[in-house]
C-alpha cells in the first residue's frame, strides 16, 4: 500500500502554481518563499513546500528543477504539470495508465485500492481533490501520429493501367566487299545468295 501525497487545503495548489508563474525564477523554493511570495502561511505553507518536492518541481534541497522551469514556460506549462502528476501519483498509474481520465468516482476507488483507506476518509478525499486541482493546470498530450515516409518514386500503377512504351530501335551497318576479278556471273550470284542467307535475315530487316 502506498501513501499518496496531498495537502489539507487543496485550494492552495492553485495559489502556489499561479504564484510560481508570476514570480521571478527563484534560487530556492524555501519555506520563506512559499509563505511570503506564494502567500501560503503557517502549516499550510510547510505542507506546500513538501508537496512541491513530491511533484518534482523542486529538489530535496528545495532548488528548482528542470520541471519547475518547464512549468514556468507558457508553451510547456501544461505538459509539465501532467508530468508532475504522473510522477507524484505513479502508483496509481501502475494500476491504471489513464488515471487522469477517470471520473471522480472511479478515481476515488483507485485511491482506495492503492492506499487501503476507507473511501470516505480524509486522506482519500484530499488526495482526489489535489489531483483534480492539478489537472486544471495539466495538458495530457496524445501519442503523436508517426508520419509515413514518402516513396522515392511514384508507385507502380495497376497492371491493367500500365503505360506501355514501344521503342523503335534500328541498327544500321555497312559491308565492304572485295569481289574477285572474274567475268563469271555465277560467282557473283553465289556471293549475293550467301549474303542474303546469312546477313539479311527477316528478323534483322
Protein backbone atom coordinates (compact mmCIF):
# COMPACT_ATOMS: atom_id res chain seq x y z
CA UNK A 1 0.00 0.00 0.00
CA UNK A 2 1.35 3.40 -0.98
CA UNK A 3 0.94 6.72 0.76
CA UNK A 4 -0.08 9.29 -1.84
CA UNK A 5 0.78 12.99 -1.46
CA UNK A 6 -1.85 15.56 -0.56
CA UNK A 7 -2.27 18.84 1.30
CA UNK A 8 -5.01 19.66 3.79
CA UNK A 9 -6.08 22.72 1.77
CA UNK A 10 -6.18 21.65 -1.93
CA UNK A 11 -7.20 25.18 -2.94
CA UNK A 12 -3.66 26.31 -2.10
CA UNK A 13 -2.37 24.30 -5.06
CA UNK A 14 -3.82 26.82 -7.50
CA UNK A 15 -2.41 29.68 -5.41
CA UNK A 16 1.04 28.07 -5.40
CA UNK A 17 1.18 27.28 -9.11
CA UNK A 18 -0.14 30.68 -10.16
CA UNK A 19 2.33 32.32 -7.79
CA UNK A 20 5.25 30.35 -9.26
CA UNK A 21 4.31 31.53 -12.73
CA UNK A 22 4.09 35.17 -11.63
CA UNK A 23 7.25 35.24 -9.51
CA UNK A 24 10.79 35.63 -10.80
CA UNK A 25 12.86 32.47 -11.06
CA UNK A 26 13.98 31.72 -7.53
CA UNK A 27 17.18 30.24 -6.18
CA UNK A 28 15.47 28.02 -3.59
CA UNK A 29 11.80 27.17 -3.00
CA UNK A 30 12.27 27.54 0.73
CA UNK A 31 9.50 27.79 3.28
CA UNK A 32 10.10 31.55 3.35
CA UNK A 33 9.45 31.67 -0.41
CA UNK A 34 6.26 29.62 -0.10
CA UNK A 35 4.95 31.60 2.86
CA UNK A 36 5.99 35.08 1.74
CA UNK A 37 6.00 35.09 -2.06
CA UNK A 38 3.35 32.44 -2.68
CA UNK A 39 1.41 33.72 0.33
CA UNK A 40 0.62 30.35 1.87
CA UNK A 41 1.36 30.87 5.57
CA UNK A 42 1.63 28.60 8.59
CA UNK A 43 1.44 24.82 8.45
CA UNK A 44 -0.22 25.01 5.04
CA UNK A 45 2.98 26.61 3.74
CA UNK A 46 5.04 23.83 5.28
CA UNK A 47 2.85 21.22 3.57
CA UNK A 48 3.12 23.01 0.23
CA UNK A 49 6.91 23.10 0.44
CA UNK A 50 6.92 19.31 0.80
CA UNK A 51 4.21 18.87 -1.83
CA UNK A 52 6.24 20.75 -4.46
CA UNK A 53 9.11 18.35 -3.85
CA UNK A 54 6.87 15.31 -4.29
CA UNK A 55 5.61 16.77 -7.56
CA UNK A 56 9.21 17.01 -8.73
CA UNK A 57 9.06 20.79 -9.15
CA UNK A 58 11.75 21.25 -6.51
CA UNK A 59 14.63 19.03 -5.44
CA UNK A 60 15.35 17.65 -1.98
CA UNK A 61 17.40 20.78 -1.23
CA UNK A 62 14.49 22.98 -2.40
CA UNK A 63 16.31 24.01 -5.57
CA UNK A 64 14.04 24.46 -8.60
CA UNK A 65 14.22 21.54 -11.02
CA UNK A 66 14.11 21.46 -14.79
CA UNK A 67 10.43 20.56 -14.46
CA UNK A 68 9.93 23.78 -12.45
CA UNK A 69 11.48 25.79 -15.29
CA UNK A 70 9.39 23.91 -17.83
CA UNK A 71 6.25 24.77 -15.86
CA UNK A 72 7.06 28.48 -15.94
CA UNK A 73 7.33 28.37 -19.73
CA UNK A 74 3.81 29.04 -21.12
CA UNK A 75 4.36 26.72 -24.06
CA UNK A 76 5.25 23.72 -21.88
CA UNK A 77 3.44 24.55 -18.64
CA UNK A 78 0.55 22.12 -19.13
CA UNK A 79 2.74 19.18 -20.06
CA UNK A 80 4.99 19.91 -17.07
CA UNK A 81 2.07 19.57 -14.65
CA UNK A 82 0.95 16.40 -16.43
CA UNK A 83 4.44 15.00 -15.87
CA UNK A 84 4.34 16.11 -12.23
CA UNK A 85 1.04 14.30 -11.67
CA UNK A 86 2.39 11.09 -13.17
CA UNK A 87 5.50 11.40 -11.03
CA UNK A 88 3.75 12.11 -7.72
CA UNK A 89 0.98 9.57 -8.24
CA UNK A 90 3.00 6.91 -10.04
CA UNK A 91 1.43 4.01 -8.03
CA UNK A 92 -1.99 4.95 -9.40
CA UNK A 93 -0.63 4.88 -12.94
CA UNK A 94 0.71 1.39 -12.33
CA UNK A 95 -2.86 0.33 -11.61
CA UNK A 96 -4.43 2.38 -14.41
CA UNK A 97 -2.37 4.08 -17.12
CA UNK A 98 -5.14 6.63 -17.78
CA UNK A 99 -5.68 7.70 -14.19
CA UNK A 100 -6.07 11.32 -15.26
CA UNK A 101 -9.08 10.43 -17.42
CA UNK A 102 -11.05 8.73 -14.66
CA UNK A 103 -14.17 10.41 -13.26
CA UNK A 104 -14.22 11.31 -9.60
CA UNK A 105 -15.94 8.11 -8.50
CA UNK A 106 -13.52 5.82 -10.35
CA UNK A 107 -10.54 7.88 -9.21
CA UNK A 108 -11.71 7.61 -5.61
CA UNK A 109 -11.97 3.83 -5.99
CA UNK A 110 -8.45 3.68 -7.41
CA UNK A 111 -7.05 5.71 -4.49
CA UNK A 112 -8.87 3.43 -2.04
CA UNK A 113 -7.32 0.37 -3.70
CA UNK A 114 -3.83 1.84 -3.53
CA UNK A 115 -3.89 3.32 -0.03
CA UNK A 116 -6.13 0.83 1.75
CA UNK A 117 -8.00 3.76 3.32
CA UNK A 118 -11.79 3.93 3.64
CA UNK A 119 -13.47 5.62 0.70
CA UNK A 120 -14.81 8.39 2.92
CA UNK A 121 -11.56 9.03 4.80
CA UNK A 122 -9.98 12.50 4.75
CA UNK A 123 -6.81 11.10 3.16
CA UNK A 124 -8.74 9.72 0.19
CA UNK A 125 -10.91 12.83 -0.23
CA UNK A 126 -7.93 15.20 -0.03
CA UNK A 127 -5.85 13.08 -2.42
CA UNK A 128 -8.62 13.11 -5.01
CA UNK A 129 -9.14 16.86 -4.53
CA UNK A 130 -5.43 17.55 -5.00
CA UNK A 131 -5.34 15.54 -8.23
CA UNK A 132 -8.38 17.42 -9.51
CA UNK A 133 -6.73 20.76 -8.70
CA UNK A 134 -3.55 19.75 -10.51
CA UNK A 135 -5.49 18.54 -13.55
CA UNK A 136 -6.85 22.06 -14.12
CA UNK A 137 -3.26 23.10 -14.95
CA UNK A 138 -2.30 19.95 -16.86
CA UNK A 139 -2.26 19.09 -20.54
CA UNK A 140 -2.04 15.39 -21.27
CA UNK A 141 -0.91 15.01 -24.84
CA UNK A 142 -1.70 12.07 -27.08
CA UNK A 143 0.88 9.95 -28.84
CA UNK A 144 1.89 11.77 -31.99
CA UNK A 145 0.98 10.19 -35.27
CA UNK A 146 4.04 8.78 -36.99
CA UNK A 147 4.44 10.32 -40.40
CA UNK A 148 4.69 7.77 -43.16
CA UNK A 149 7.82 8.23 -45.32
CA UNK A 150 7.19 9.31 -48.86
CA UNK A 151 8.26 6.80 -51.53
CA UNK A 152 11.35 7.64 -53.53
CA UNK A 153 9.34 7.28 -56.71
CA UNK A 154 5.71 7.00 -57.68
CA UNK A 155 4.25 3.58 -57.01
CA UNK A 156 3.66 1.30 -59.99
CA UNK A 157 0.15 1.66 -61.43
CA UNK A 158 -2.11 -1.39 -61.53
CA UNK A 159 -1.26 -3.93 -64.20
CA UNK A 160 -4.29 -3.06 -66.32
CA UNK A 161 -3.29 0.59 -66.31
CA UNK A 162 0.39 0.22 -67.02
CA UNK A 163 1.73 2.51 -69.70
CA UNK A 164 3.33 0.51 -72.41
CA UNK A 165 6.05 2.14 -74.40
CA UNK A 166 7.10 0.99 -77.85
CA UNK A 167 10.76 1.52 -78.53
CA UNK A 168 11.67 1.75 -82.19
CA UNK A 169 15.31 0.72 -82.37
CA UNK A 170 17.14 0.11 -85.63
CA UNK A 171 20.75 -0.78 -86.24
CA UNK A 172 22.49 0.06 -89.48
CA UNK A 173 25.79 -1.31 -90.75
CA UNK A 174 27.98 -1.07 -93.85
CA UNK A 175 29.51 -4.07 -95.64
CA UNK A 176 32.58 -3.67 -97.83
CA UNK A 177 33.02 -6.47 -100.39
CA UNK A 178 36.20 -7.34 -102.23
CA UNK A 179 34.85 -9.05 -105.34
CA UNK A 180 37.07 -11.41 -107.29
CA UNK A 181 38.36 -10.37 -110.70
CA UNK A 182 36.11 -12.59 -112.80
CA UNK A 183 33.54 -12.21 -115.50
CA UNK A 184 31.66 -15.33 -114.42
CA UNK A 185 28.13 -14.24 -113.37
CA UNK A 186 27.66 -17.46 -111.41
CA UNK A 187 30.34 -16.38 -108.96
CA UNK A 188 28.57 -13.12 -108.24
CA UNK A 189 25.22 -14.89 -107.89
CA UNK A 190 26.72 -17.24 -105.31
CA UNK A 191 28.21 -14.33 -103.32
CA UNK A 192 24.92 -12.40 -103.11
CA UNK A 193 22.91 -15.51 -102.28
CA UNK A 194 25.27 -16.12 -99.36
CA UNK A 195 24.89 -12.51 -98.17
CA UNK A 196 21.14 -12.75 -98.27
CA UNK A 197 21.07 -16.08 -96.47
CA UNK A 198 23.48 -15.12 -93.64
CA UNK A 199 23.16 -11.36 -93.19
CA UNK A 200 19.83 -10.18 -94.44
CA UNK A 201 17.53 -12.35 -92.34
CA UNK A 202 13.90 -11.24 -91.94
CA UNK A 203 14.21 -10.62 -88.17
CA UNK A 204 17.03 -8.16 -88.90
CA UNK A 205 15.09 -6.31 -91.59
